[in-house]
Amino acid sequence: MKQGIHPDYHDIKVVMTDGSEFVTRSCYGAKDATLNLDIDPKVHPAWTGGQQQLMDRGGRLSRFNSKFGGLFTKK
């Protein structure tokens, strides 16, 4: 392998939305960094069948709904 062209691959801690955590290897951040997830497979509608609501963090969902809310209404 060519030296000096590959990213640093190290252990990081991933914290899920419910507080559970696990250690994995990644190029993210520095060694022993923590990655806090806003949306993960436990709460995302694509994996839960759409039964749960997404949390509105920072008003992004509200802003989207006010801008495009009437676009997706059933006729």
C-alpha atoms as a PDB file:
ATOM      1  CA  MET A   1       0.000   0.000   0.000  1.00  0.00           C
ATOM      2  CA  LYS A   2       1.070   3.551  -0.656  1.00  0.00           C
ATOM      3  CA  GLN A   3       2.114   5.356   2.531  1.00  0.00           C
ATOM      4  CA  GLY A   4       0.524   8.623   3.714  1.00  0.00           C
ATOM      5  CA  ILE A   5      -2.638   8.567   1.586  1.00  0.00           C
ATOM      6  CA  HIS A   6      -5.021   6.677   3.879  1.00  0.00           C
ATOM      7  CA  PRO A   7      -7.111   8.408   6.578  1.00  0.00           C
ATOM      8  CA  ASP A   8      -6.588   7.688  10.272  1.00  0.00           C
ATOM      9  CA  TYR A   9      -8.908   4.774  11.143  1.00  0.00           C
ATOM     10  CA  HIS A  10      -9.577   4.578  14.891  1.00  0.00           C
ATOM     11  CA  ASP A  11     -12.155   3.684  17.578  1.00  0.00           C
ATOM     12  CA  ILE A  12     -14.996   6.147  18.311  1.00  0.00           C
ATOM     13  CA  LYS A  13     -18.024   5.984  20.600  1.00  0.00           C
ATOM     14  CA  VAL A  14     -21.479   6.345  18.987  1.00  0.00           C
ATOM     15  CA  VAL A  15     -24.340   7.511  21.247  1.00  0.00           C
ATOM     16  CA  MET A  16     -27.845   6.660  20.003  1.00  0.00           C
ATOM     17  CA  THR A  17     -30.898   8.875  20.632  1.00  0.00           C
ATOM     18  CA  ASP A  18     -32.023   6.721  23.587  1.00  0.00           C
ATOM     19  CA  GLY A  19     -28.631   7.064  25.297  1.00  0.00           C
ATOM     20  CA  SER A  20     -27.316   3.606  24.438  1.00  0.00           C
ATOM     21  CA  GLU A  21     -23.802   3.597  23.065  1.00  0.00           C
ATOM     22  CA  PHE A  22     -21.369   1.370  21.248  1.00  0.00           C
ATOM     23  CA  VAL A  23     -17.773   1.549  20.020  1.00  0.00           C
ATOM     24  CA  THR A  24     -16.930   1.216  16.340  1.00  0.00           C
ATOM     25  CA  ARG A  25     -14.029   2.025  14.048  1.00  0.00           C
ATOM     26  CA  SER A  26     -14.271   5.111  11.854  1.00  0.00           C
ATOM     27  CA  CYS A  27     -12.412   7.996  10.223  1.00  0.00           C
ATOM     28  CA  TYR A  28     -14.709  10.440  12.075  1.00  0.00           C
ATOM     29  CA  GLY A  29     -13.006  12.930  14.401  1.00  0.00           C
ATOM     30  CA  ALA A  30      -9.998  12.043  16.509  1.00  0.00           C
ATOM     31  CA  LYS A  31      -9.257   8.866  18.419  1.00  0.00           C
ATOM     32  CA  ASP A  32     -11.863   8.208  21.174  1.00  0.00           C
ATOM     33  CA  ALA A  33     -14.217  10.912  19.787  1.00  0.00           C
ATOM     34  CA  THR A  34     -17.956  10.725  20.520  1.00  0.00           C
ATOM     35  CA  LEU A  35     -20.583  10.865  17.752  1.00  0.00           C
ATOM     36  CA  ASN A  36     -24.053  11.820  19.073  1.00  0.00           C
ATOM     37  CA  LEU A  37     -26.832  10.828  16.672  1.00  0.00           C
ATOM     38  CA  ASP A  38     -29.968  12.974  16.191  1.00  0.00           C
ATOM     39  CA  ILE A  39     -31.765  10.291  14.185  1.00  0.00           C
ATOM     40  CA  ASP A  40     -30.946   6.592  14.249  1.00  0.00           C
ATOM     41  CA  PRO A  41     -32.612   3.310  13.184  1.00  0.00           C
ATOM     42  CA  LYS A  42     -34.591   3.174  16.455  1.00  0.00           C
ATOM     43  CA  VAL A  43     -36.534   6.393  15.684  1.00  0.00           C
ATOM     44  CA  HIS A  44     -36.270   6.990  11.918  1.00  0.00           C
ATOM     45  CA  PRO A  45     -39.562   6.366  10.051  1.00  0.00           C
ATOM     46  CA  ALA A  46     -37.767   4.409   7.315  1.00  0.00           C
ATOM     47  CA  TRP A  47     -36.934   1.691   9.868  1.00  0.00           C
ATOM     48  CA  THR A  48     -39.938   2.035  12.200  1.00  0.00           C
ATOM     49  CA  GLY A  49     -42.659   1.983   9.552  1.00  0.00           C
ATOM     50  CA  GLY A  50     -43.484   5.679   9.964  1.00  0.00           C
ATOM     51  CA  GLN A  51     -45.287   5.253  13.286  1.00  0.00           C
ATOM     52  CA  GLN A  52     -43.118   7.680  15.236  1.00  0.00           C
ATOM     53  CA  GLN A  53     -42.826  11.428  14.757  1.00  0.00           C
ATOM     54  CA  LEU A  54     -39.495  13.080  14.029  1.00  0.00           C
ATOM     55  CA  MET A  55     -38.297  15.466  16.709  1.00  0.00           C
ATOM     56  CA  ASP A  56     -38.219  19.103  15.615  1.00  0.00           C
ATOM     57  CA  ARG A  57     -34.670  20.236  16.426  1.00  0.00           C
ATOM     58  CA  GLY A  58     -34.119  23.940  15.981  1.00  0.00           C
ATOM     59  CA  GLY A  59     -37.408  24.620  14.208  1.00  0.00           C
ATOM     60  CA  ARG A  60     -36.297  23.036  10.933  1.00  0.00           C
ATOM     61  CA  LEU A  61     -39.392  20.861  10.636  1.00  0.00           C
ATOM     62  CA  SER A  62     -41.688  23.759  11.555  1.00  0.00           C
ATOM     63  CA  ARG A  63     -39.988  26.014   9.020  1.00  0.00           C
ATOM     64  CA  PHE A  64     -40.331  23.352   6.306  1.00  0.00           C
ATOM     65  CA  ASN A  65     -44.016  22.777   7.107  1.00  0.00           C
ATOM     66  CA  SER A  66     -44.800  26.502   7.034  1.00  0.00           C
ATOM     67  CA  LYS A  67     -43.031  26.881   3.689  1.00  0.00           C
ATOM     68  CA  PHE A  68     -44.205  23.705   1.933  1.00  0.00           C
ATOM     69  CA  GLY A  69     -47.109  22.479   4.105  1.00  0.00           C
ATOM     70  CA  GLY A  70     -49.819  22.960   1.496  1.00  0.00           C
ATOM     71  CA  LEU A  71     -47.812  21.252  -1.204  1.00  0.00           C
ATOM     72  CA  PHE A  72     -48.477  17.702   0.024  1.00  0.00           C
ATOM     73  CA  THR A  73     -52.141  17.893   1.033  1.00  0.00           C
ATOM     74  CA  LYS A  74     -54.490  15.285  -0.422  1.00  0.00           C
ATOM     75  CA  LYS A  75     -57.094  16.541  -2.850  1.00  0.00           C
END
